[in-house]
Structure formats: C-alpha cells, structure tokens
Amino acid sequence: MITKSIGLIAALSSLILAACGGGGGNTAATGSTGSTGSGAPPTDATDYSVVAHWVCRPEKDTVCTTGLDAEVQNAGGSTAAQPFTPNANPAIDCFYVYPTVSAQQTQFADLTEDPIIDAVTREQAGRLSSKCRVFAPIYRQVTNFGLNHGGVEGAGANDPPFVDVLAAWTYYLQHDNKGRGVVILGHSQGTILLQRLMAENIDGTANQALLVSAFLAGNPSLAVPMGGVVGGTFAHIPVCTTAGQTGCVYAWGSYLAGDTSAPPIFGAARGDGFVSACANPAAFGSAIGQLKFYYAGPNPPAWLEAIGQATGECQTDSNGAHIFVVTVLPGPFAAQVTNALKGAEVAPGWGVHPLDISLVLGNMLDVLDAEIATWQAQH
C-alpha cells in the first residue's frame, strides 16, 4: 500500500466509523482471549480455534443460513416469494468482516456476540451462503463509544481490530482453506481492515492465487492511477472490469443522485496523483446498471428485493471524488424504495452508506455465479 493511501484512510477512519452500523445493548464480556472490559487497547490476538469467536463458519452457520426469505418486487408491480436455500456444497469460500456496530462502553469491543453483530452479518453476508462457505470472525473493533472518545482504527502493528482480522484470516488459511478460492467482503470499518490485510498479506504473495474477488464496500479510497486499474493501493490486484473476472477487487461508496450536501467521504478526491476507484458489481466503468436491492420489509417477509427500480453509475463529481450514484426509477414501489434510501442518509457527505452492500447484493450474487464459473474452469 502506498504511504499516502495509508495516511488518507487513517485520517478518515474516526469520522467514517462513527456512523457505521447501528445500536445494540451493552453486554457482559465473555472472558475470552483479548476481552478487556476496560477499554485498554489489547495487543494479543484472539484465538480463532474457538468456534464462539466466529459469527459464521461451517460448523456455526445459523446466522448466515436462516431468516433470509424475501419477496421480490418487480418494476411492473408484480411480486413473488423468494425462499432462501444455502448451498450444501459450495465451490468457494467467503471471508467477511462487519462494519462498526458495537455499542459497548469501551474503546474496543470484547468478543461478545451482540445481537447487532448477528443482524448486520445476516443482512450483508448471509445470502452469500447460497454461493460460498461464509467465515465471519468476531473481532475487537473500535466501538461507537471509542470513536466518540478519541479512538480511531489506526495503522499500528498492535492495533486490536487489525490484529484480530489478521489472526482470523491466518487461522482460516491454515485450517480451513485447503486451496479453495475465497471471496473477501467487508463494509466500512471492515473494508478499512480488509484493504490493509490485502495490501500487506495478499497483494503480490502466494495467497493472491486464492483470491476469487474482493468487495470493499463503503470505501474511503482505493487508490489507482488516473485511467488505470492497478498500481496504487495494490501493486498487483486490479480493479474488476468484467463480471466473470477473478483475482480482482470492487470498491464503491453510494450516493443518491443530486446529493450535494457535502464533499463525498467515500470514494473521496485525492491530492497525491492517484484517484479513488469506483468499481461496482452492478455496472462497470461509467455504464449504468440496474440494481437488485435488498432492504428490510415487514415480518414476514423480513426482506424485499427491488429489481429494476433503481440504477447505479460510477461518476466523478466536481471535486474529483469517484462515487456510485443511485437513481430511483418511476414505478409502483418508487416511494417505498425512496423512503428506504432516504432513511440511510445519515449525515452530509455520507450518502446512503449503511446500504452500500444491500443496494447491489442481488448483483453481487450474479457476479459470484460468473466468477465461480471462471474459477472452476481454471482450477
């Protein structure tokens, strides 16, 4: 990773992470390795041989395989039931790191599996279990409390969130991977940590050969040369340019069309000769893509999928930010979709950050189908 990219991400982290995720009550510490309960920065890595230190993995997958039935809302007004079935024998794996969700009153979260962790993991990564085995570690993230009291997700060697994500990844490689292809997926704080993991431990190493793709949603900045796809944040991992391409990365930050509330924080303009990448699974380059947007519905169904009711396009704004611009189309469900999107506009410059993954989740599933076909043909 280039030095200026590290500096940009570190500078933005405290602001970015404060608005990610949601609520959730403070719960008791588990007493697991690394839980301090005091907010003092721990430096020892969590033991990921303990199954309880994962939200999802093959022997503990309920969060990622249940509660995912949906109703499809088609642009013309028709609806259809969409029961969810996980894949019993998927060809690849997915490694997911959730965004800032902890409401614990310490700088760093302990390893308690708070309900909000389950809820966000199910929402963002659960559907991927129809394509891959999902590995989602619980980690000692910077909490909302910590961010509001001067904490940041830093770049130090003993940074607890990164120490844990690296430990979980290392455990997965040593004990679970066995040469399988893997998709890397994160959002916000999760994306910041995974981008660093990829730059320091995957890019240009033997492990890069395992990379099916990466989805780094809600990204402050993934640096690429102007007009290029590789050579900034990553020296060897390119930005994805076709649906069936493997070994590449998607990065995006989502904004409603017409949002001029403040300069964008995600996909931000840079001043170092590089630009922020915008590569979204719904549309490549500057093409306009039809979104397959999952959002919360009544219970039941808990989820709705809006198909063909919004579009997304990577655009460069007047400040030089490279963002994914979302436009709601006229139709029977337009008001409902608009309300869901407007409810996600948390602050000026943030866009619809909480929905970065949900907006294109159906598109991601289509991309995974194409990537899996390529991966199986090559291996």
Protein backbone atom coordinates (compact mmCIF):
# COMPACT_ATOMS: atom_id res chain seq x y z
CA MET A 1 0.00 0.00 0.00
CA ILE A 2 1.33 3.43 -0.85
CA THR A 3 2.13 5.62 2.14
CA LYS A 4 -0.27 8.40 1.20
CA SER A 5 -3.13 5.90 0.94
CA ILE A 6 -2.47 4.74 4.49
CA GLY A 7 -2.45 8.34 5.66
CA LEU A 8 -5.73 9.12 3.94
CA ILE A 9 -7.50 6.09 5.39
CA ALA A 10 -6.15 6.73 8.88
CA ALA A 11 -7.22 10.37 8.71
CA LEU A 12 -10.75 9.48 7.63
CA SER A 13 -11.28 6.48 9.92
CA SER A 14 -12.60 8.19 13.06
CA LEU A 15 -15.24 10.06 11.08
CA ILE A 16 -16.19 7.13 8.86
CA LEU A 17 -16.54 4.51 11.54
CA ALA A 18 -18.66 6.64 13.86
CA ALA A 19 -21.68 6.45 11.59
CA CYS A 20 -21.44 2.81 10.53
CA GLY A 21 -23.66 0.09 11.90
CA GLY A 22 -26.42 0.52 14.41
CA GLY A 23 -27.44 0.18 18.00
CA GLY A 24 -27.39 -2.72 20.38
CA GLY A 25 -27.19 -3.08 24.10
CA ASN A 26 -24.03 -3.34 26.11
CA THR A 27 -23.43 -6.94 27.14
CA ALA A 28 -21.11 -8.69 29.53
CA ALA A 29 -17.64 -9.69 28.44
CA THR A 30 -17.16 -13.32 27.52
CA GLY A 31 -13.88 -13.75 29.30
CA SER A 32 -12.35 -14.86 26.00
CA THR A 33 -8.80 -14.15 24.95
CA GLY A 34 -8.36 -10.43 24.36
CA SER A 35 -11.53 -9.25 26.14
CA THR A 36 -10.57 -6.45 28.49
CA GLY A 37 -13.85 -4.81 29.51
CA SER A 38 -11.74 -1.78 30.48
CA GLY A 39 -11.25 -0.21 27.07
CA ALA A 40 -7.45 -0.55 27.35
CA PRO A 41 -6.01 -1.43 23.94
CA PRO A 42 -5.18 -5.15 23.98
CA THR A 43 -2.40 -6.32 21.68
CA ASP A 44 -2.71 -10.12 21.91
CA ALA A 45 -4.50 -11.84 19.04
CA THR A 46 -7.82 -13.58 19.62
CA ASP A 47 -7.81 -17.39 19.47
CA TYR A 48 -9.85 -18.31 16.40
CA SER A 49 -9.72 -22.02 17.10
CA VAL A 50 -12.60 -21.17 19.47
CA VAL A 51 -15.79 -21.56 17.43
CA ALA A 52 -17.57 -18.98 19.61
CA HIS A 53 -15.20 -16.34 18.22
CA TRP A 54 -16.91 -16.60 14.83
CA VAL A 55 -20.33 -15.29 13.82
CA CYS A 56 -20.38 -17.77 10.95
CA ARG A 57 -18.24 -20.68 9.86
CA PRO A 58 -19.25 -24.13 8.55
CA GLU A 59 -20.00 -25.66 11.97
CA LYS A 60 -21.71 -22.48 13.19
CA ASP A 61 -23.68 -21.05 10.29
CA THR A 62 -27.23 -20.34 11.53
CA VAL A 63 -26.84 -16.55 11.30
CA CYS A 64 -25.75 -16.88 7.66
CA THR A 65 -28.25 -19.50 6.53
CA THR A 66 -31.61 -18.65 8.18
CA GLY A 67 -34.06 -15.75 8.29
CA LEU A 68 -33.34 -14.78 4.67
CA ASP A 69 -36.60 -15.48 2.84
CA ALA A 70 -37.65 -12.49 0.73
CA GLU A 71 -40.34 -11.11 -1.53
CA VAL A 72 -39.30 -9.92 -4.98
CA GLN A 73 -40.79 -6.60 -6.11
CA ASN A 74 -40.61 -6.29 -9.88
CA ALA A 75 -40.59 -2.93 -11.61
CA GLY A 76 -44.00 -3.52 -13.16
CA GLY A 77 -45.64 -4.03 -9.77
CA SER A 78 -45.78 -7.83 -9.54
CA THR A 79 -44.35 -9.69 -6.56
CA ALA A 80 -43.10 -13.22 -5.98
CA ALA A 81 -41.93 -15.24 -3.00
CA GLN A 82 -38.19 -15.89 -2.82
CA PRO A 83 -37.40 -18.66 -0.32
CA PHE A 84 -33.73 -18.85 0.64
CA THR A 85 -31.70 -22.05 0.47
CA PRO A 86 -27.99 -22.17 1.39
CA ASN A 87 -25.64 -24.17 -0.82
CA ALA A 88 -24.94 -27.58 0.69
CA ASN A 89 -21.60 -27.97 -1.10
CA PRO A 90 -20.30 -24.61 -2.35
CA ALA A 91 -17.21 -24.47 -4.53
CA ILE A 92 -15.62 -21.43 -2.86
CA ASP A 93 -15.40 -19.60 0.48
CA CYS A 94 -16.24 -16.06 1.58
CA PHE A 95 -14.36 -14.16 4.32
CA TYR A 96 -16.45 -11.29 5.72
CA VAL A 97 -15.70 -8.51 8.23
CA TYR A 98 -18.65 -6.45 9.52
CA PRO A 99 -18.74 -2.64 9.98
CA THR A 100 -18.83 -0.63 13.21
CA VAL A 101 -21.81 -1.91 15.20
CA SER A 102 -20.74 -2.19 18.84
CA ALA A 103 -22.50 -0.06 21.47
CA GLN A 104 -20.25 -1.34 24.27
CA GLN A 105 -18.99 1.47 26.51
CA THR A 106 -15.29 0.76 25.94
CA GLN A 107 -12.82 1.86 23.31
CA PHE A 108 -12.60 -1.63 21.86
CA ALA A 109 -15.35 -4.23 21.79
CA ASP A 110 -14.86 -7.52 23.55
CA LEU A 111 -15.75 -10.83 21.89
CA THR A 112 -19.40 -10.91 22.93
CA GLU A 113 -21.63 -11.85 20.01
CA ASP A 114 -24.04 -8.96 20.42
CA PRO A 115 -27.38 -9.31 18.56
CA ILE A 116 -26.49 -6.40 16.28
CA ILE A 117 -23.45 -8.31 15.02
CA ASP A 118 -25.71 -11.20 14.04
CA ALA A 119 -28.24 -8.88 12.41
CA VAL A 120 -25.73 -6.97 10.28
CA THR A 121 -23.85 -10.15 9.31
CA ARG A 122 -27.11 -11.80 8.22
CA GLU A 123 -28.12 -8.70 6.22
CA GLN A 124 -24.79 -8.17 4.45
CA ALA A 125 -23.25 -11.63 4.13
CA GLY A 126 -25.95 -14.23 4.81
CA ARG A 127 -27.13 -14.52 1.20
CA LEU A 128 -23.61 -15.35 0.13
CA SER A 129 -24.10 -18.76 1.76
CA SER A 130 -26.01 -19.67 -1.41
CA LYS A 131 -22.65 -19.37 -3.21
CA CYS A 132 -19.90 -19.98 -0.65
CA ARG A 133 -18.98 -21.12 2.84
CA VAL A 134 -19.07 -17.95 4.95
CA PHE A 135 -16.33 -17.24 7.50
CA ALA A 136 -17.13 -14.18 9.64
CA PRO A 137 -14.94 -13.55 12.71
CA ILE A 138 -15.99 -11.61 15.79
CA TYR A 139 -13.26 -9.02 16.35
CA ARG A 140 -12.34 -6.32 18.85
CA GLN A 141 -13.48 -3.44 16.73
CA VAL A 142 -13.33 0.22 17.64
CA THR A 143 -16.75 0.87 19.18
CA ASN A 144 -19.04 3.84 18.65
CA PHE A 145 -18.13 4.86 22.22
CA GLY A 146 -14.44 4.63 21.40
CA LEU A 147 -14.83 6.75 18.30
CA ASN A 148 -16.73 9.39 20.24
CA HIS A 149 -13.92 9.48 22.80
CA GLY A 150 -10.98 9.99 20.50
CA GLY A 151 -10.39 6.44 19.28
CA VAL A 152 -9.52 5.61 15.68
CA GLU A 153 -8.89 2.49 13.65
CA GLY A 154 -5.17 3.08 13.25
CA ALA A 155 -2.39 1.55 11.20
CA GLY A 156 -0.17 0.42 14.07
CA ALA A 157 1.26 -3.07 14.36
CA ASN A 158 -0.68 -3.71 17.59
CA ASP A 159 -4.00 -2.19 16.52
CA PRO A 160 -6.54 -4.61 18.12
CA PRO A 161 -9.08 -4.71 15.24
CA PHE A 162 -6.40 -5.44 12.67
CA VAL A 163 -4.58 -7.90 14.95
CA ASP A 164 -7.81 -9.90 15.18
CA VAL A 165 -8.72 -9.75 11.49
CA LEU A 166 -5.20 -10.88 10.60
CA ALA A 167 -5.39 -13.69 13.18
CA ALA A 168 -8.77 -14.85 11.86
CA TRP A 169 -7.51 -14.79 8.27
CA THR A 170 -4.35 -16.68 9.24
CA TYR A 171 -6.38 -19.31 11.11
CA TYR A 172 -8.71 -19.69 8.14
CA LEU A 173 -5.79 -20.19 5.75
CA GLN A 174 -4.06 -22.71 7.99
CA HIS A 175 -7.08 -24.79 8.99
CA ASP A 176 -9.99 -24.24 6.58
CA ASN A 177 -8.90 -23.05 3.16
CA LYS A 178 -7.14 -26.14 1.77
CA GLY A 179 -6.54 -24.43 -1.57
CA ARG A 180 -10.12 -23.23 -2.08
CA GLY A 181 -10.88 -19.95 -3.81
CA VAL A 182 -12.01 -17.20 -1.46
CA VAL A 183 -14.06 -14.01 -1.82
CA ILE A 184 -13.20 -11.17 0.59
CA LEU A 185 -16.09 -8.93 1.68
CA GLY A 186 -16.26 -6.00 4.09
CA HIS A 187 -18.06 -2.79 4.84
CA SER A 188 -16.73 0.48 6.32
CA GLN A 189 -14.51 -0.43 9.30
CA GLY A 190 -14.47 -3.96 7.89
CA THR A 191 -13.39 -2.61 4.49
CA ILE A 192 -10.62 -0.48 6.01
CA LEU A 193 -9.24 -3.53 7.82
CA LEU A 194 -9.55 -5.86 4.83
CA GLN A 195 -7.97 -3.36 2.46
CA ARG A 196 -4.96 -3.23 4.78
CA LEU A 197 -4.96 -7.04 5.08
CA MET A 198 -4.95 -7.39 1.31
CA ALA A 199 -2.19 -4.79 0.82
CA GLU A 200 0.10 -6.29 3.46
CA ASN A 201 -0.66 -10.02 3.28
CA ILE A 202 -2.24 -10.92 -0.08
CA ASP A 203 -1.15 -8.48 -2.81
CA GLY A 204 1.89 -9.93 -4.58
CA THR A 205 2.08 -13.02 -2.32
CA ALA A 206 1.30 -16.67 -2.92
CA ASN A 207 -2.09 -16.11 -1.27
CA GLN A 208 -3.15 -13.85 -4.14
CA ALA A 209 -3.67 -17.01 -6.20
CA LEU A 210 -6.57 -17.91 -3.87
CA LEU A 211 -8.43 -14.63 -4.45
CA VAL A 212 -11.67 -15.06 -6.38
CA SER A 213 -12.53 -11.39 -5.82
CA ALA A 214 -12.92 -8.76 -3.11
CA PHE A 215 -15.91 -6.50 -2.41
CA LEU A 216 -14.69 -3.48 -0.38
CA ALA A 217 -17.94 -1.58 0.19
CA GLY A 218 -18.15 1.85 1.78
CA ASN A 219 -14.53 2.50 0.89
CA PRO A 220 -12.87 5.82 1.82
CA SER A 221 -10.41 5.38 -1.02
CA LEU A 222 -8.83 2.59 -3.01
CA ALA A 223 -6.10 4.39 -4.93
CA VAL A 224 -5.50 3.72 -8.63
CA PRO A 225 -3.66 5.74 -11.28
CA MET A 226 -5.81 8.05 -13.36
CA GLY A 227 -7.30 5.86 -16.09
CA GLY A 228 -5.69 2.74 -14.59
CA VAL A 229 -6.87 -0.31 -12.65
CA VAL A 230 -3.80 -1.25 -10.61
CA GLY A 231 -0.69 0.33 -9.13
CA GLY A 232 -1.87 2.47 -6.24
CA THR A 233 -3.20 0.83 -3.08
CA PHE A 234 -2.46 -2.58 -4.60
CA ALA A 235 0.58 -3.25 -6.76
CA HIS A 236 -0.79 -6.45 -8.27
CA ILE A 237 -4.55 -6.79 -7.59
CA PRO A 238 -6.56 -4.93 -10.26
CA VAL A 239 -9.97 -3.32 -10.11
CA CYS A 240 -12.62 -5.59 -11.67
CA THR A 241 -13.71 -4.66 -15.19
CA THR A 242 -15.87 -7.64 -16.24
CA ALA A 243 -18.38 -9.81 -14.36
CA GLY A 244 -16.54 -13.10 -14.81
CA GLN A 245 -13.11 -11.73 -13.95
CA THR A 246 -11.37 -13.26 -10.94
CA GLY A 247 -8.49 -12.07 -8.78
CA CYS A 248 -9.81 -8.51 -8.79
CA VAL A 249 -11.49 -6.00 -6.45
CA TYR A 250 -14.69 -3.96 -6.32
CA ALA A 251 -14.77 -0.71 -4.32
CA TRP A 252 -17.57 1.84 -4.04
CA GLY A 253 -19.41 4.39 -1.95
CA SER A 254 -23.10 5.01 -2.68
CA TYR A 255 -24.85 8.39 -3.04
CA LEU A 256 -28.32 9.35 -4.20
CA ALA A 257 -28.47 11.34 -7.42
CA GLY A 258 -28.49 15.05 -6.65
CA ASP A 259 -26.81 14.73 -3.24
CA THR A 260 -24.67 17.86 -2.91
CA SER A 261 -24.83 18.02 0.90
CA ALA A 262 -21.04 17.95 1.30
CA PRO A 263 -17.94 16.62 -0.48
CA PRO A 264 -18.16 12.81 -0.54
CA ILE A 265 -16.29 10.92 2.16
CA PHE A 266 -16.37 7.57 0.35
CA GLY A 267 -14.53 7.47 -2.97
CA ALA A 268 -13.04 10.77 -1.84
CA ALA A 269 -10.99 13.09 -4.02
CA ARG A 270 -7.26 12.63 -3.54
CA GLY A 271 -4.34 15.04 -3.83
CA ASP A 272 -1.46 12.67 -4.47
CA GLY A 273 -1.71 11.98 -8.19
CA PHE A 274 -3.99 8.98 -7.71
CA VAL A 275 -7.79 8.74 -7.90
CA SER A 276 -10.26 6.69 -5.86
CA ALA A 277 -11.50 3.61 -7.67
CA CYS A 278 -15.21 3.08 -8.24
CA ALA A 279 -15.95 -0.45 -9.38
CA ASN A 280 -19.40 -1.76 -8.57
CA PRO A 281 -20.86 -5.18 -9.32
CA ALA A 282 -23.94 -3.63 -10.94
CA ALA A 283 -22.09 -1.52 -13.53
CA PHE A 284 -18.55 -1.37 -14.89
CA GLY A 285 -16.73 1.79 -15.84
CA SER A 286 -19.26 4.56 -16.42
CA ALA A 287 -22.06 2.22 -17.51
CA ILE A 288 -25.48 2.47 -15.88
CA GLY A 289 -26.58 -0.74 -14.15
CA GLN A 290 -29.95 -1.98 -12.93
CA LEU A 291 -29.73 -2.61 -9.19
CA LYS A 292 -31.02 -5.65 -7.33
CA PHE A 293 -31.60 -4.00 -3.96
CA TYR A 294 -32.42 -5.97 -0.79
CA TYR A 295 -33.96 -3.96 2.03
CA ALA A 296 -35.90 -4.59 5.22
CA GLY A 297 -39.59 -5.40 4.87
CA PRO A 298 -42.43 -6.34 7.19
CA ASN A 299 -42.07 -9.57 9.13
CA PRO A 300 -42.91 -11.75 7.24
CA PRO A 301 -41.33 -11.31 4.77
CA ALA A 302 -38.33 -9.91 6.57
CA TRP A 303 -36.69 -8.86 3.29
CA LEU A 304 -37.73 -7.32 -0.01
CA GLU A 305 -35.74 -7.38 -3.24
CA ALA A 306 -36.41 -4.43 -5.54
CA ILE A 307 -35.45 -5.41 -9.09
CA GLY A 308 -35.23 -2.85 -11.87
CA GLN A 309 -36.38 0.02 -9.66
CA ALA A 310 -33.08 1.86 -9.28
CA THR A 311 -29.94 2.31 -11.31
CA GLY A 312 -26.34 2.87 -10.32
CA GLU A 313 -23.48 4.54 -12.17
CA CYS A 314 -19.88 5.41 -11.24
CA GLN A 315 -19.41 9.16 -11.70
CA THR A 316 -16.72 11.72 -10.95
CA ASP A 317 -18.08 14.77 -9.14
CA SER A 318 -16.88 18.37 -9.44
CA ASN A 319 -14.40 17.87 -6.57
CA GLY A 320 -12.79 14.82 -8.14
CA ALA A 321 -14.48 12.22 -5.93
CA HIS A 322 -15.35 8.96 -7.71
CA ILE A 323 -18.71 7.76 -6.38
CA PHE A 324 -21.51 5.32 -7.16
CA VAL A 325 -24.62 7.38 -7.92
CA VAL A 326 -28.03 5.78 -7.33
CA THR A 327 -31.20 6.91 -9.12
CA VAL A 328 -34.69 5.65 -8.20
CA LEU A 329 -36.87 4.99 -11.26
CA PRO A 330 -40.59 5.76 -11.52
CA GLY A 331 -42.83 2.82 -10.67
CA PRO A 332 -45.32 1.29 -8.24
CA PHE A 333 -42.72 0.84 -5.50
CA ALA A 334 -40.76 4.08 -6.09
CA ALA A 335 -41.97 5.78 -2.90
CA GLN A 336 -41.15 2.74 -0.78
CA VAL A 337 -37.68 2.38 -2.28
CA THR A 338 -37.02 6.11 -1.96
CA ASN A 339 -38.03 6.09 1.71
CA ALA A 340 -35.64 3.21 2.40
CA LEU A 341 -32.80 5.07 0.73
CA LYS A 342 -33.56 8.44 2.30
CA GLY A 343 -33.61 6.80 5.73
CA ALA A 344 -29.99 5.76 5.17
CA GLU A 345 -28.66 9.29 4.60
CA VAL A 346 -27.01 9.60 7.99
CA ALA A 347 -25.08 12.88 7.57
CA PRO A 348 -23.86 15.32 4.89
CA GLY A 349 -21.20 13.72 2.73
CA TRP A 350 -22.10 10.19 3.82
CA GLY A 351 -24.55 9.33 1.06
CA VAL A 352 -26.51 6.13 1.69
CA HIS A 353 -23.52 4.50 3.35
CA PRO A 354 -25.41 1.97 5.54
CA LEU A 355 -26.89 0.41 2.37
CA ASP A 356 -23.69 0.12 0.31
CA ILE A 357 -23.92 -3.69 0.19
CA SER A 358 -27.71 -4.03 0.25
CA LEU A 359 -28.10 -1.84 -2.85
CA VAL A 360 -26.17 -4.29 -5.02
CA LEU A 361 -26.48 -7.55 -3.09
CA GLY A 362 -28.50 -9.25 -5.82
CA ASN A 363 -25.97 -8.04 -8.39
CA MET A 364 -23.15 -9.43 -6.26
CA LEU A 365 -24.80 -12.84 -6.30
CA ASP A 366 -24.94 -12.70 -10.11
CA VAL A 367 -21.26 -11.71 -10.25
CA LEU A 368 -20.36 -14.60 -7.96
CA ASP A 369 -22.10 -17.02 -10.34
CA ALA A 370 -19.91 -15.73 -13.18
CA GLU A 371 -16.76 -15.75 -11.05
CA ILE A 372 -17.39 -19.27 -9.79
CA ALA A 373 -17.78 -20.49 -13.36
CA THR A 374 -14.44 -18.89 -14.28
CA TRP A 375 -12.77 -20.22 -11.15
CA GLN A 376 -13.94 -23.78 -11.73
CA ALA A 377 -12.85 -23.65 -15.39
CA GLN A 378 -9.36 -22.57 -14.32
CA HIS A 379 -8.89 -24.94 -11.38
